[in-house]
N, C-alpha and C. Protein backbone atom coordinates (compact mmCIF):
# COMPACT_ATOMS: atom_id res chain seq x y z
N MET A 1 7.67 44.41 27.71
CA MET A 1 7.89 43.01 28.09
C MET A 1 6.78 42.13 27.51
N ARG A 2 5.54 42.58 27.57
CA ARG A 2 4.47 41.78 27.02
C ARG A 2 4.65 41.51 25.52
N SER A 3 5.10 42.53 24.78
CA SER A 3 5.39 42.45 23.40
C SER A 3 6.45 41.37 23.09
N LEU A 4 7.49 41.32 23.92
CA LEU A 4 8.54 40.32 23.77
C LEU A 4 7.96 38.95 24.02
N SER A 5 7.13 38.82 25.03
CA SER A 5 6.51 37.54 25.37
C SER A 5 5.65 37.05 24.25
N ILE A 6 4.91 37.95 23.59
CA ILE A 6 4.04 37.55 22.46
C ILE A 6 4.89 37.13 21.28
N ARG A 7 6.02 37.84 21.06
CA ARG A 7 6.89 37.44 19.98
C ARG A 7 7.53 36.08 20.18
N ILE A 8 7.96 35.84 21.43
CA ILE A 8 8.55 34.52 21.73
C ILE A 8 7.51 33.44 21.54
N THR A 9 6.27 33.68 22.02
CA THR A 9 5.23 32.72 21.82
C THR A 9 4.98 32.45 20.36
N LEU A 10 4.90 33.48 19.58
CA LEU A 10 4.67 33.38 18.14
C LEU A 10 5.76 32.64 17.48
N VAL A 11 7.04 32.91 17.79
CA VAL A 11 8.16 32.24 17.19
C VAL A 11 8.14 30.77 17.62
N THR A 12 7.82 30.49 18.86
CA THR A 12 7.75 29.10 19.33
C THR A 12 6.65 28.36 18.56
N PHE A 13 5.50 29.02 18.39
CA PHE A 13 4.37 28.41 17.73
C PHE A 13 4.76 28.09 16.21
N LEU A 14 5.37 29.01 15.52
CA LEU A 14 5.79 28.83 14.14
C LEU A 14 6.87 27.71 14.10
N PHE A 15 7.80 27.72 15.01
CA PHE A 15 8.80 26.66 15.06
C PHE A 15 8.19 25.27 15.19
N VAL A 16 7.28 25.15 16.13
CA VAL A 16 6.59 23.87 16.39
C VAL A 16 5.82 23.44 15.15
N CYS A 17 5.07 24.40 14.55
CA CYS A 17 4.26 24.07 13.39
C CYS A 17 5.11 23.63 12.24
N PHE A 18 6.22 24.33 12.00
CA PHE A 18 7.13 24.03 10.90
C PHE A 18 7.71 22.62 11.11
N PHE A 19 8.24 22.34 12.26
CA PHE A 19 8.90 21.05 12.49
C PHE A 19 7.88 19.88 12.59
N SER A 20 6.72 20.09 13.11
CA SER A 20 5.71 19.04 13.14
C SER A 20 5.24 18.78 11.70
N GLY A 21 5.16 19.77 10.83
CA GLY A 21 4.85 19.61 9.45
C GLY A 21 5.93 18.81 8.76
N GLN A 22 7.16 19.07 9.08
CA GLN A 22 8.25 18.32 8.53
C GLN A 22 8.23 16.89 8.90
N LEU A 23 7.82 16.61 10.18
CA LEU A 23 7.77 15.23 10.67
C LEU A 23 6.62 14.52 9.96
N GLN A 24 5.52 15.18 9.81
CA GLN A 24 4.37 14.54 9.14
C GLN A 24 4.76 14.21 7.70
N ALA A 25 5.43 15.09 7.02
CA ALA A 25 5.85 14.84 5.65
C ALA A 25 6.81 13.61 5.60
N GLN A 26 7.72 13.52 6.60
CA GLN A 26 8.62 12.38 6.57
C GLN A 26 7.87 11.10 6.88
N GLU A 27 6.85 11.13 7.62
CA GLU A 27 6.11 9.93 7.91
C GLU A 27 5.35 9.46 6.73
N LYS A 28 5.12 10.29 5.73
CA LYS A 28 4.46 9.91 4.53
C LYS A 28 5.43 9.29 3.44
N ASN A 29 6.69 9.29 3.79
CA ASN A 29 7.64 8.74 2.88
C ASN A 29 8.63 7.84 3.62
N ASP A 30 9.17 6.89 2.84
CA ASP A 30 10.33 6.18 3.42
C ASP A 30 11.37 6.16 2.34
N ALA A 31 12.41 5.43 2.48
CA ALA A 31 13.54 5.55 1.51
C ALA A 31 13.16 5.23 0.11
N ARG A 32 12.08 4.47 -0.07
CA ARG A 32 11.71 4.00 -1.44
C ARG A 32 10.32 4.40 -1.87
N PHE A 33 9.39 4.65 -0.92
CA PHE A 33 7.96 4.92 -1.29
C PHE A 33 7.57 6.35 -0.91
N ILE A 34 6.72 6.88 -1.74
CA ILE A 34 6.20 8.22 -1.48
C ILE A 34 4.68 8.16 -1.52
N ALA A 35 4.08 8.50 -0.38
CA ALA A 35 2.64 8.49 -0.28
C ALA A 35 2.11 9.84 -0.82
N LYS A 36 1.21 9.76 -1.83
CA LYS A 36 0.56 10.96 -2.34
C LYS A 36 -0.72 11.25 -1.62
N ASP A 37 -1.18 12.48 -1.70
CA ASP A 37 -2.44 12.88 -1.07
C ASP A 37 -3.64 12.34 -1.76
N ASN A 38 -3.46 11.64 -2.93
CA ASN A 38 -4.62 11.17 -3.71
C ASN A 38 -4.95 9.73 -3.51
N GLY A 39 -4.39 9.08 -2.41
CA GLY A 39 -4.65 7.70 -2.17
C GLY A 39 -3.75 6.76 -2.85
N THR A 40 -2.64 7.24 -3.36
CA THR A 40 -1.71 6.36 -4.06
C THR A 40 -0.35 6.41 -3.47
N VAL A 41 0.50 5.43 -3.74
CA VAL A 41 1.83 5.36 -3.22
C VAL A 41 2.80 5.05 -4.42
N LEU A 42 3.77 5.90 -4.60
CA LEU A 42 4.76 5.66 -5.70
C LEU A 42 5.91 4.91 -5.18
N ASP A 43 6.23 3.86 -5.91
CA ASP A 43 7.44 3.02 -5.63
C ASP A 43 8.52 3.59 -6.49
N THR A 44 9.50 4.32 -5.92
CA THR A 44 10.53 4.97 -6.74
C THR A 44 11.51 3.95 -7.31
N LYS A 45 11.61 2.78 -6.79
CA LYS A 45 12.47 1.75 -7.32
C LYS A 45 11.98 1.17 -8.62
N THR A 46 10.68 0.91 -8.67
CA THR A 46 10.09 0.26 -9.86
C THR A 46 9.33 1.25 -10.76
N GLY A 47 8.99 2.39 -10.23
CA GLY A 47 8.15 3.33 -10.99
C GLY A 47 6.67 3.04 -10.97
N LEU A 48 6.26 1.98 -10.31
CA LEU A 48 4.89 1.59 -10.18
C LEU A 48 4.16 2.48 -9.13
N THR A 49 2.88 2.73 -9.40
CA THR A 49 2.06 3.41 -8.44
C THR A 49 1.04 2.43 -7.88
N TRP A 50 0.98 2.34 -6.54
CA TRP A 50 0.10 1.39 -5.86
C TRP A 50 -1.03 2.08 -5.18
N ALA A 51 -2.14 1.37 -5.01
CA ALA A 51 -3.20 1.88 -4.17
C ALA A 51 -2.67 1.96 -2.73
N ALA A 52 -3.04 2.93 -1.96
CA ALA A 52 -2.54 3.08 -0.60
C ALA A 52 -3.16 2.08 0.38
N ILE A 53 -4.26 1.42 -0.08
CA ILE A 53 -4.94 0.44 0.75
C ILE A 53 -5.60 -0.65 -0.15
N ASP A 54 -5.68 -1.82 0.33
CA ASP A 54 -6.33 -2.86 -0.43
C ASP A 54 -7.86 -2.67 -0.44
N ASN A 55 -8.58 -3.67 -0.96
CA ASN A 55 -10.06 -3.53 -1.09
C ASN A 55 -10.75 -3.66 0.25
N GLY A 56 -10.08 -4.13 1.30
CA GLY A 56 -10.67 -4.13 2.66
C GLY A 56 -11.50 -5.27 3.06
N ALA A 57 -11.71 -6.28 2.23
CA ALA A 57 -12.57 -7.43 2.58
C ALA A 57 -12.16 -8.64 1.78
N ASP A 58 -12.62 -9.80 2.24
CA ASP A 58 -12.34 -11.05 1.51
C ASP A 58 -12.87 -10.93 0.08
N ILE A 59 -12.08 -11.43 -0.88
CA ILE A 59 -12.42 -11.31 -2.29
C ILE A 59 -11.79 -12.45 -3.04
N ASN A 60 -12.56 -13.03 -4.04
CA ASN A 60 -12.03 -14.05 -4.89
C ASN A 60 -11.25 -13.48 -6.04
N TRP A 61 -10.56 -14.31 -6.85
CA TRP A 61 -9.68 -13.82 -7.83
C TRP A 61 -10.42 -13.01 -8.92
N GLN A 62 -11.49 -13.52 -9.40
CA GLN A 62 -12.26 -12.81 -10.49
C GLN A 62 -12.72 -11.46 -10.00
N SER A 63 -13.26 -11.39 -8.82
CA SER A 63 -13.73 -10.12 -8.27
C SER A 63 -12.56 -9.19 -7.97
N ALA A 64 -11.43 -9.71 -7.61
CA ALA A 64 -10.24 -8.92 -7.39
C ALA A 64 -9.74 -8.28 -8.69
N LYS A 65 -9.77 -9.06 -9.75
CA LYS A 65 -9.41 -8.57 -11.04
C LYS A 65 -10.32 -7.40 -11.51
N SER A 66 -11.59 -7.56 -11.28
CA SER A 66 -12.57 -6.56 -11.65
C SER A 66 -12.35 -5.32 -10.78
N TYR A 67 -12.14 -5.58 -9.44
CA TYR A 67 -11.93 -4.47 -8.51
C TYR A 67 -10.72 -3.60 -9.00
N CYS A 68 -9.63 -4.23 -9.35
CA CYS A 68 -8.44 -3.51 -9.76
C CYS A 68 -8.72 -2.73 -11.06
N LYS A 69 -9.36 -3.40 -12.00
CA LYS A 69 -9.65 -2.75 -13.31
C LYS A 69 -10.51 -1.50 -13.13
N ASN A 70 -11.49 -1.51 -12.19
CA ASN A 70 -12.39 -0.42 -12.00
C ASN A 70 -11.96 0.58 -10.95
N TYR A 71 -10.80 0.40 -10.34
CA TYR A 71 -10.28 1.27 -9.34
C TYR A 71 -10.04 2.68 -9.91
N ARG A 72 -10.25 3.72 -9.17
CA ARG A 72 -10.15 5.09 -9.72
C ARG A 72 -9.38 6.09 -8.79
N ALA A 73 -8.57 5.62 -7.91
CA ALA A 73 -7.85 6.56 -7.03
C ALA A 73 -6.94 7.43 -7.83
N GLY A 74 -6.78 8.68 -7.35
CA GLY A 74 -5.85 9.63 -8.00
C GLY A 74 -6.36 10.12 -9.32
N GLY A 75 -7.60 9.78 -9.67
CA GLY A 75 -8.17 10.21 -10.97
C GLY A 75 -7.68 9.40 -12.12
N PHE A 76 -6.92 8.31 -11.87
CA PHE A 76 -6.39 7.46 -12.94
C PHE A 76 -7.40 6.38 -13.31
N THR A 77 -7.42 5.95 -14.58
CA THR A 77 -8.36 4.91 -15.02
C THR A 77 -7.63 3.66 -15.48
N ASP A 78 -6.25 3.63 -15.37
CA ASP A 78 -5.48 2.53 -15.91
C ASP A 78 -4.96 1.57 -14.83
N TRP A 79 -5.77 1.43 -13.78
CA TRP A 79 -5.38 0.44 -12.73
C TRP A 79 -5.51 -0.98 -13.23
N ARG A 80 -4.79 -1.90 -12.61
CA ARG A 80 -4.87 -3.32 -12.98
C ARG A 80 -4.41 -4.14 -11.79
N MET A 81 -4.60 -5.45 -11.96
CA MET A 81 -4.14 -6.41 -10.94
C MET A 81 -2.62 -6.57 -11.12
N PRO A 82 -1.87 -6.62 -10.10
CA PRO A 82 -0.41 -6.80 -10.14
C PRO A 82 0.00 -8.16 -10.57
N THR A 83 1.18 -8.30 -11.15
CA THR A 83 1.75 -9.62 -11.39
C THR A 83 2.38 -10.13 -10.06
N HIS A 84 2.67 -11.41 -10.04
CA HIS A 84 3.28 -12.00 -8.83
C HIS A 84 4.61 -11.34 -8.57
N ASP A 85 5.40 -11.14 -9.59
CA ASP A 85 6.69 -10.52 -9.50
C ASP A 85 6.64 -9.15 -8.88
N GLU A 86 5.63 -8.35 -9.35
CA GLU A 86 5.45 -7.00 -8.81
C GLU A 86 5.15 -7.03 -7.34
N LEU A 87 4.32 -7.97 -6.90
CA LEU A 87 3.97 -8.09 -5.48
C LEU A 87 5.20 -8.53 -4.71
N ALA A 88 5.96 -9.51 -5.28
CA ALA A 88 7.16 -10.01 -4.62
C ALA A 88 8.18 -8.90 -4.42
N GLU A 89 8.23 -7.98 -5.31
CA GLU A 89 9.16 -6.80 -5.23
C GLU A 89 8.80 -5.92 -4.01
N LEU A 90 7.52 -5.91 -3.63
CA LEU A 90 7.08 -5.11 -2.52
C LEU A 90 7.45 -5.72 -1.15
N TYR A 91 7.58 -7.06 -1.11
CA TYR A 91 7.81 -7.76 0.14
C TYR A 91 9.12 -7.32 0.71
N ASP A 92 9.17 -6.92 2.02
CA ASP A 92 10.35 -6.49 2.68
C ASP A 92 10.38 -7.03 4.10
N VAL A 93 11.23 -8.01 4.34
CA VAL A 93 11.29 -8.67 5.64
C VAL A 93 11.76 -7.75 6.76
N THR A 94 12.38 -6.65 6.40
CA THR A 94 12.86 -5.69 7.41
C THR A 94 11.77 -4.73 7.88
N LYS A 95 10.62 -4.74 7.23
CA LYS A 95 9.49 -3.95 7.70
C LYS A 95 8.31 -4.76 8.04
N THR A 96 7.70 -4.44 9.15
CA THR A 96 6.61 -5.26 9.71
C THR A 96 5.56 -4.40 10.38
N TYR A 97 4.31 -4.67 10.04
CA TYR A 97 3.20 -4.06 10.78
C TYR A 97 2.11 -5.11 10.90
N LYS A 98 1.15 -4.92 11.79
CA LYS A 98 0.08 -5.84 12.03
C LYS A 98 -1.09 -5.54 11.15
N SER A 99 -1.56 -6.52 10.37
CA SER A 99 -2.77 -6.28 9.54
C SER A 99 -3.97 -6.26 10.33
N ASP A 100 -5.09 -5.80 9.80
CA ASP A 100 -6.38 -5.81 10.48
C ASP A 100 -6.86 -7.19 10.88
N CYS A 101 -6.44 -8.22 10.12
CA CYS A 101 -6.82 -9.62 10.43
C CYS A 101 -5.86 -10.23 11.42
N GLY A 102 -4.89 -9.49 11.92
CA GLY A 102 -4.05 -9.96 13.02
C GLY A 102 -2.71 -10.50 12.61
N TYR A 103 -2.42 -10.66 11.41
CA TYR A 103 -1.15 -11.26 11.01
C TYR A 103 -0.12 -10.13 10.63
N ASN A 104 1.17 -10.42 10.82
CA ASN A 104 2.18 -9.52 10.41
C ASN A 104 2.26 -9.37 8.88
N VAL A 105 2.50 -8.13 8.43
CA VAL A 105 2.69 -7.87 7.00
C VAL A 105 4.10 -7.27 6.89
N HIS A 106 4.86 -7.84 5.91
CA HIS A 106 6.20 -7.33 5.67
C HIS A 106 6.21 -6.46 4.40
N LEU A 107 5.92 -5.16 4.68
CA LEU A 107 5.70 -4.24 3.57
C LEU A 107 5.76 -2.84 4.22
N THR A 108 6.06 -1.82 3.38
CA THR A 108 6.00 -0.45 3.91
C THR A 108 4.64 -0.14 4.48
N GLU A 109 4.65 0.62 5.57
CA GLU A 109 3.40 0.98 6.20
C GLU A 109 2.52 1.96 5.37
N LEU A 110 3.15 2.51 4.33
CA LEU A 110 2.46 3.46 3.45
C LEU A 110 1.41 2.77 2.55
N ILE A 111 1.54 1.37 2.43
CA ILE A 111 0.59 0.60 1.76
C ILE A 111 -0.06 -0.29 2.78
N HIS A 112 -1.34 -0.08 3.01
CA HIS A 112 -2.07 -0.79 4.11
C HIS A 112 -2.78 -2.01 3.58
N LEU A 113 -2.34 -3.20 4.10
CA LEU A 113 -3.06 -4.42 3.80
C LEU A 113 -3.92 -4.79 4.96
N THR A 114 -5.18 -5.08 4.76
CA THR A 114 -6.06 -5.43 5.86
C THR A 114 -5.95 -6.93 6.17
N CYS A 115 -5.36 -7.69 5.27
CA CYS A 115 -5.00 -9.08 5.52
C CYS A 115 -3.81 -9.42 4.61
N THR A 116 -3.18 -10.56 4.76
CA THR A 116 -1.83 -10.78 4.19
C THR A 116 -1.79 -11.38 2.79
N TRP A 117 -2.82 -12.01 2.32
CA TRP A 117 -2.75 -12.64 1.05
C TRP A 117 -3.30 -11.74 -0.05
N VAL A 118 -2.50 -11.48 -1.10
CA VAL A 118 -2.94 -10.57 -2.17
C VAL A 118 -2.90 -11.33 -3.49
N TRP A 119 -4.01 -11.27 -4.24
CA TRP A 119 -4.10 -11.94 -5.52
C TRP A 119 -3.18 -11.31 -6.57
N ALA A 120 -2.61 -12.12 -7.42
CA ALA A 120 -1.78 -11.72 -8.53
C ALA A 120 -2.48 -12.08 -9.82
N SER A 121 -2.02 -11.53 -10.94
CA SER A 121 -2.79 -11.70 -12.19
C SER A 121 -2.60 -13.06 -12.89
N GLU A 122 -1.51 -13.83 -12.56
CA GLU A 122 -1.26 -15.10 -13.20
C GLU A 122 -2.27 -16.13 -12.81
N THR A 123 -2.68 -16.95 -13.80
CA THR A 123 -3.50 -18.10 -13.53
C THR A 123 -2.95 -19.32 -14.14
N ARG A 124 -3.40 -20.46 -13.63
CA ARG A 124 -3.01 -21.75 -14.18
C ARG A 124 -4.19 -22.73 -13.93
N GLY A 125 -4.91 -23.05 -15.00
CA GLY A 125 -6.14 -23.85 -14.87
C GLY A 125 -7.16 -23.06 -14.01
N SER A 126 -7.64 -23.71 -13.00
CA SER A 126 -8.63 -23.01 -12.10
C SER A 126 -7.90 -22.34 -10.96
N GLY A 127 -6.57 -22.40 -10.97
CA GLY A 127 -5.83 -21.78 -9.88
C GLY A 127 -5.31 -20.38 -10.27
N ALA A 128 -5.04 -19.56 -9.25
CA ALA A 128 -4.52 -18.20 -9.46
C ALA A 128 -3.39 -18.01 -8.47
N SER A 129 -2.48 -17.17 -8.89
CA SER A 129 -1.32 -16.79 -8.08
C SER A 129 -1.63 -15.80 -6.98
N TYR A 130 -0.94 -15.88 -5.90
CA TYR A 130 -1.05 -14.84 -4.89
C TYR A 130 0.26 -14.78 -4.12
N LEU A 131 0.40 -13.70 -3.39
CA LEU A 131 1.61 -13.57 -2.49
C LEU A 131 1.10 -13.41 -1.10
N ASN A 132 1.73 -14.09 -0.17
CA ASN A 132 1.45 -13.99 1.28
C ASN A 132 2.47 -13.02 1.89
N PHE A 133 2.01 -11.85 2.27
CA PHE A 133 2.92 -10.84 2.79
C PHE A 133 3.33 -11.10 4.25
N ASN A 134 2.85 -12.23 4.80
CA ASN A 134 3.35 -12.64 6.06
C ASN A 134 4.55 -13.54 5.95
N LEU A 135 4.50 -14.49 4.97
CA LEU A 135 5.55 -15.50 4.82
C LEU A 135 6.29 -15.38 3.48
N CYS A 136 5.78 -14.72 2.50
CA CYS A 136 6.42 -14.51 1.19
C CYS A 136 6.83 -15.83 0.50
N HIS A 137 5.93 -16.76 0.36
CA HIS A 137 6.24 -17.92 -0.45
C HIS A 137 6.33 -17.45 -1.93
N GLN A 138 7.37 -17.82 -2.60
CA GLN A 138 7.59 -17.25 -3.93
C GLN A 138 6.41 -17.51 -4.90
N TRP A 139 5.99 -18.74 -5.14
CA TRP A 139 4.90 -18.97 -6.01
C TRP A 139 3.84 -19.75 -5.29
N ASN A 140 2.71 -19.16 -5.08
CA ASN A 140 1.60 -19.77 -4.42
C ASN A 140 0.42 -19.86 -5.41
N TRP A 141 -0.29 -20.90 -5.38
CA TRP A 141 -1.48 -21.11 -6.26
C TRP A 141 -2.60 -21.48 -5.39
N ARG A 142 -3.74 -20.94 -5.69
CA ARG A 142 -4.95 -21.26 -4.89
C ARG A 142 -6.14 -21.27 -5.93
N PHE A 143 -7.13 -22.11 -5.65
CA PHE A 143 -8.34 -22.17 -6.48
C PHE A 143 -8.90 -20.74 -6.51
N GLY A 144 -9.13 -20.16 -7.67
CA GLY A 144 -9.52 -18.78 -7.85
C GLY A 144 -10.80 -18.36 -7.14
N ALA A 145 -11.67 -19.32 -6.92
CA ALA A 145 -12.95 -19.00 -6.23
C ALA A 145 -12.79 -18.78 -4.76
N TYR A 146 -11.66 -19.20 -4.20
CA TYR A 146 -11.39 -19.04 -2.78
C TYR A 146 -11.30 -17.55 -2.45
N ASP A 147 -11.81 -17.15 -1.29
CA ASP A 147 -11.72 -15.72 -0.97
C ASP A 147 -11.32 -15.41 0.48
N ALA A 148 -11.32 -16.32 1.41
CA ALA A 148 -11.04 -16.06 2.79
C ALA A 148 -9.62 -15.55 2.94
N PHE A 149 -9.44 -14.38 3.53
CA PHE A 149 -8.21 -13.73 3.83
C PHE A 149 -7.53 -13.05 2.58
N PHE A 150 -8.07 -13.25 1.41
CA PHE A 150 -7.49 -12.67 0.19
C PHE A 150 -7.92 -11.25 -0.03
N ARG A 151 -7.04 -10.44 -0.61
CA ARG A 151 -7.27 -9.04 -0.91
C ARG A 151 -6.89 -8.70 -2.33
N ALA A 152 -7.42 -7.58 -2.79
CA ALA A 152 -7.00 -7.01 -4.12
C ALA A 152 -6.19 -5.72 -3.83
N LEU A 153 -5.09 -5.55 -4.52
CA LEU A 153 -4.28 -4.36 -4.35
C LEU A 153 -3.93 -3.83 -5.75
N PRO A 154 -4.66 -2.83 -6.20
CA PRO A 154 -4.45 -2.28 -7.54
C PRO A 154 -3.11 -1.62 -7.69
N VAL A 155 -2.58 -1.67 -8.98
CA VAL A 155 -1.32 -1.03 -9.33
C VAL A 155 -1.49 -0.45 -10.74
N ARG A 156 -0.64 0.54 -11.00
CA ARG A 156 -0.59 1.13 -12.34
C ARG A 156 0.80 1.38 -12.71
N SER A 157 1.06 1.34 -13.99
CA SER A 157 2.49 1.48 -14.47
C SER A 157 3.04 2.94 -14.55
N GLY A 158 2.16 3.86 -14.75
CA GLY A 158 2.58 5.25 -14.91
C GLY A 158 2.83 5.89 -13.55
N LYS A 159 3.64 6.95 -13.60
CA LYS A 159 3.94 7.70 -12.40
C LYS A 159 2.81 8.71 -12.26
């Protein structure tokens, strides 16, 4: 009887471990994005690979550009600042989570924004483009030296 009890316990343990592992794996993916263990997130729709988290603090455009260029997650060295269109492609009104700065972010939870404004690579005079992941204004321009609430989110083109 004790042998049967140990077997049942072992089978139950293996069953729970297997299915909890399955659930954890599902939490790392959604219909479009796949979170890798190397700090990157693959967008299967566009083929772009994104940093799993932004730079984590207020940053101006020039520093954001440098941050993206020097980013090294996943062992890759070809990171860059995203275009406005690439950021706009990430925006998803059907997905919402709360950023660290308290505003809603409309984006997969696999990419963590600590605040809602993300710099884009386009510039015009002393202004630079950004996307607000709370409201998704299509084309926003801000003086590039401005940094409050802005973040850098590196991207790379290769899988």
